[in-house]
Amino acid sequence: MQEIGKLVVVIGLLLVAIGVILWRFPSLLGWVGKLPGDISVQKGNFSFYFPIVTCVLVSIVLTLLVWLFRL
């Protein structure tokens, strides 16, 4: 059970580090969410945004990482 606790702490620290990097350098991933194919509708005071292509790209990258590391 201690291994799971250590893994959770390491994952948490990695998420904090990634968050700090993205907070300090917001233009680092400025293209995320603005890819061709992302749906954006604006009419009057209503706006709808769904980054479908970004979601597919993130899904592919995460699938490849999990496949490579066999998690």
N, C-alpha and C. Protein backbone atom coordinates (compact mmCIF):
# COMPACT_ATOMS: atom_id res chain seq x y z
N MET A 1 0.81 -1.19 0.00
CA MET A 1 0.00 0.00 0.00
C MET A 1 0.86 1.26 0.00
N GLN A 2 2.07 1.19 0.51
CA GLN A 2 2.95 2.35 0.54
C GLN A 2 3.37 2.77 -0.86
N GLU A 3 3.48 1.80 -1.77
CA GLU A 3 3.86 2.14 -3.14
C GLU A 3 2.82 3.01 -3.80
N ILE A 4 1.55 2.72 -3.54
CA ILE A 4 0.47 3.52 -4.13
C ILE A 4 0.52 4.94 -3.58
N GLY A 5 0.78 5.07 -2.29
CA GLY A 5 0.89 6.41 -1.68
C GLY A 5 2.03 7.21 -2.29
N LYS A 6 3.16 6.56 -2.49
CA LYS A 6 4.30 7.24 -3.10
C LYS A 6 3.98 7.65 -4.54
N LEU A 7 3.29 6.77 -5.26
CA LEU A 7 2.92 7.08 -6.65
C LEU A 7 1.97 8.27 -6.70
N VAL A 8 1.01 8.31 -5.79
CA VAL A 8 0.06 9.43 -5.76
C VAL A 8 0.79 10.74 -5.45
N VAL A 9 1.75 10.70 -4.52
CA VAL A 9 2.51 11.91 -4.19
C VAL A 9 3.34 12.37 -5.38
N VAL A 10 3.98 11.44 -6.08
CA VAL A 10 4.80 11.79 -7.24
C VAL A 10 3.92 12.38 -8.35
N ILE A 11 2.78 11.77 -8.60
CA ILE A 11 1.87 12.30 -9.62
C ILE A 11 1.39 13.69 -9.23
N GLY A 12 1.08 13.90 -7.96
CA GLY A 12 0.66 15.21 -7.50
C GLY A 12 1.74 16.26 -7.68
N LEU A 13 2.98 15.90 -7.34
CA LEU A 13 4.09 16.84 -7.53
C LEU A 13 4.31 17.17 -9.00
N LEU A 14 4.17 16.17 -9.86
CA LEU A 14 4.30 16.42 -11.30
C LEU A 14 3.21 17.37 -11.80
N LEU A 15 1.98 17.17 -11.33
CA LEU A 15 0.89 18.05 -11.73
C LEU A 15 1.12 19.48 -11.24
N VAL A 16 1.63 19.62 -10.02
CA VAL A 16 1.93 20.96 -9.50
C VAL A 16 3.03 21.60 -10.33
N ALA A 17 4.07 20.84 -10.66
CA ALA A 17 5.18 21.39 -11.46
C ALA A 17 4.68 21.83 -12.84
N ILE A 18 3.86 21.01 -13.47
CA ILE A 18 3.31 21.36 -14.78
C ILE A 18 2.43 22.61 -14.66
N GLY A 19 1.63 22.68 -13.60
CA GLY A 19 0.78 23.85 -13.38
C GLY A 19 1.58 25.12 -13.21
N VAL A 20 2.67 25.05 -12.46
CA VAL A 20 3.52 26.23 -12.25
C VAL A 20 4.17 26.66 -13.56
N ILE A 21 4.64 25.70 -14.34
CA ILE A 21 5.27 26.03 -15.63
C ILE A 21 4.25 26.71 -16.55
N LEU A 22 3.04 26.16 -16.62
CA LEU A 22 2.02 26.76 -17.49
C LEU A 22 1.55 28.10 -16.95
N TRP A 23 1.56 28.29 -15.65
CA TRP A 23 1.17 29.56 -15.05
C TRP A 23 2.21 30.64 -15.33
N ARG A 24 3.48 30.28 -15.24
CA ARG A 24 4.55 31.24 -15.46
C ARG A 24 4.77 31.54 -16.95
N PHE A 25 4.51 30.58 -17.80
CA PHE A 25 4.71 30.73 -19.25
C PHE A 25 3.42 30.37 -19.98
N PRO A 26 2.40 31.23 -19.93
CA PRO A 26 1.10 30.88 -20.53
C PRO A 26 1.13 30.75 -22.04
N SER A 27 2.08 31.37 -22.70
CA SER A 27 2.13 31.27 -24.17
C SER A 27 2.79 29.98 -24.64
N LEU A 28 3.29 29.19 -23.70
CA LEU A 28 3.97 27.94 -24.05
C LEU A 28 3.04 26.99 -24.81
N LEU A 29 1.80 26.91 -24.37
CA LEU A 29 0.81 26.06 -25.04
C LEU A 29 -0.37 26.90 -25.54
N GLY A 30 -0.09 28.05 -26.11
CA GLY A 30 -1.13 28.93 -26.58
C GLY A 30 -1.95 28.38 -27.74
N TRP A 31 -1.41 27.43 -28.46
CA TRP A 31 -2.11 26.84 -29.61
C TRP A 31 -3.15 25.82 -29.18
N VAL A 32 -3.05 25.33 -27.95
CA VAL A 32 -4.00 24.31 -27.48
C VAL A 32 -5.38 24.93 -27.38
N GLY A 33 -6.34 24.30 -28.00
CA GLY A 33 -7.71 24.80 -28.00
C GLY A 33 -8.02 25.71 -29.16
N LYS A 34 -7.05 25.96 -30.01
CA LYS A 34 -7.27 26.83 -31.16
C LYS A 34 -6.90 26.14 -32.46
N LEU A 35 -7.04 24.84 -32.48
CA LEU A 35 -6.69 24.07 -33.67
C LEU A 35 -7.82 24.13 -34.70
N PRO A 36 -7.48 23.93 -35.97
CA PRO A 36 -8.53 23.86 -36.98
C PRO A 36 -9.45 22.67 -36.69
N GLY A 37 -10.73 22.89 -36.72
CA GLY A 37 -11.68 21.83 -36.42
C GLY A 37 -12.33 21.99 -35.05
N ASP A 38 -11.77 22.82 -34.19
CA ASP A 38 -12.41 23.12 -32.91
C ASP A 38 -13.65 23.95 -33.18
N ILE A 39 -14.74 23.62 -32.52
CA ILE A 39 -16.03 24.26 -32.79
C ILE A 39 -16.18 25.50 -31.92
N SER A 40 -16.48 26.62 -32.56
CA SER A 40 -16.71 27.88 -31.85
C SER A 40 -17.88 28.60 -32.50
N VAL A 41 -18.94 28.85 -31.71
CA VAL A 41 -20.13 29.54 -32.21
C VAL A 41 -20.40 30.73 -31.30
N GLN A 42 -20.55 31.92 -31.91
CA GLN A 42 -20.86 33.12 -31.16
C GLN A 42 -22.02 33.84 -31.84
N LYS A 43 -23.12 34.01 -31.09
CA LYS A 43 -24.29 34.72 -31.61
C LYS A 43 -24.82 35.62 -30.50
N GLY A 44 -24.74 36.88 -30.71
CA GLY A 44 -25.24 37.83 -29.72
C GLY A 44 -24.47 37.71 -28.41
N ASN A 45 -25.23 37.47 -27.33
CA ASN A 45 -24.58 37.32 -26.04
C ASN A 45 -24.36 35.85 -25.67
N PHE A 46 -24.45 34.96 -26.64
CA PHE A 46 -24.26 33.52 -26.42
C PHE A 46 -23.01 33.06 -27.15
N SER A 47 -22.19 32.29 -26.46
CA SER A 47 -21.03 31.70 -27.12
C SER A 47 -20.89 30.25 -26.68
N PHE A 48 -20.53 29.41 -27.63
CA PHE A 48 -20.33 27.98 -27.38
C PHE A 48 -18.99 27.59 -27.98
N TYR A 49 -18.19 26.88 -27.20
CA TYR A 49 -16.87 26.47 -27.66
C TYR A 49 -16.63 25.03 -27.26
N PHE A 50 -16.28 24.19 -28.22
CA PHE A 50 -15.95 22.81 -27.93
C PHE A 50 -14.70 22.43 -28.72
N PRO A 51 -13.58 22.22 -28.04
CA PRO A 51 -12.31 21.92 -28.72
C PRO A 51 -12.20 20.44 -29.09
N ILE A 52 -12.97 19.99 -30.05
CA ILE A 52 -13.03 18.57 -30.40
C ILE A 52 -11.69 18.05 -30.93
N VAL A 53 -11.03 18.79 -31.77
CA VAL A 53 -9.75 18.33 -32.33
C VAL A 53 -8.68 18.30 -31.24
N THR A 54 -8.70 19.28 -30.35
CA THR A 54 -7.76 19.29 -29.24
C THR A 54 -8.00 18.07 -28.35
N CYS A 55 -9.25 17.73 -28.09
CA CYS A 55 -9.57 16.55 -27.27
C CYS A 55 -9.07 15.27 -27.93
N VAL A 56 -9.26 15.16 -29.24
CA VAL A 56 -8.79 13.98 -29.96
C VAL A 56 -7.27 13.89 -29.90
N LEU A 57 -6.60 15.01 -30.09
CA LEU A 57 -5.13 15.03 -30.04
C LEU A 57 -4.61 14.63 -28.65
N VAL A 58 -5.21 15.17 -27.60
CA VAL A 58 -4.81 14.81 -26.24
C VAL A 58 -5.06 13.33 -25.99
N SER A 59 -6.18 12.81 -26.47
CA SER A 59 -6.50 11.40 -26.31
C SER A 59 -5.47 10.51 -27.00
N ILE A 60 -5.06 10.88 -28.19
CA ILE A 60 -4.06 10.10 -28.92
C ILE A 60 -2.72 10.12 -28.19
N VAL A 61 -2.31 11.29 -27.72
CA VAL A 61 -1.03 11.40 -27.01
C VAL A 61 -1.05 10.58 -25.72
N LEU A 62 -2.13 10.68 -24.96
CA LEU A 62 -2.22 9.91 -23.72
C LEU A 62 -2.28 8.41 -23.99
N THR A 63 -2.98 8.01 -25.04
CA THR A 63 -3.02 6.59 -25.41
C THR A 63 -1.64 6.08 -25.76
N LEU A 64 -0.88 6.85 -26.53
CA LEU A 64 0.48 6.44 -26.88
C LEU A 64 1.38 6.36 -25.65
N LEU A 65 1.26 7.31 -24.74
CA LEU A 65 2.07 7.28 -23.52
C LEU A 65 1.74 6.07 -22.66
N VAL A 66 0.45 5.79 -22.49
CA VAL A 66 0.06 4.62 -21.70
C VAL A 66 0.53 3.35 -22.39
N TRP A 67 0.42 3.29 -23.69
CA TRP A 67 0.87 2.11 -24.43
C TRP A 67 2.38 1.93 -24.31
N LEU A 68 3.12 3.02 -24.38
CA LEU A 68 4.57 2.93 -24.27
C LEU A 68 5.04 2.50 -22.89
N PHE A 69 4.41 3.02 -21.86
CA PHE A 69 4.83 2.72 -20.50
C PHE A 69 4.05 1.57 -19.87
N ARG A 70 3.05 1.07 -20.59
CA ARG A 70 2.25 -0.07 -20.13
C ARG A 70 1.72 0.13 -18.71
N LEU A 71 1.06 1.26 -18.49
CA LEU A 71 0.53 1.56 -17.15
C LEU A 71 -0.71 0.77 -16.90
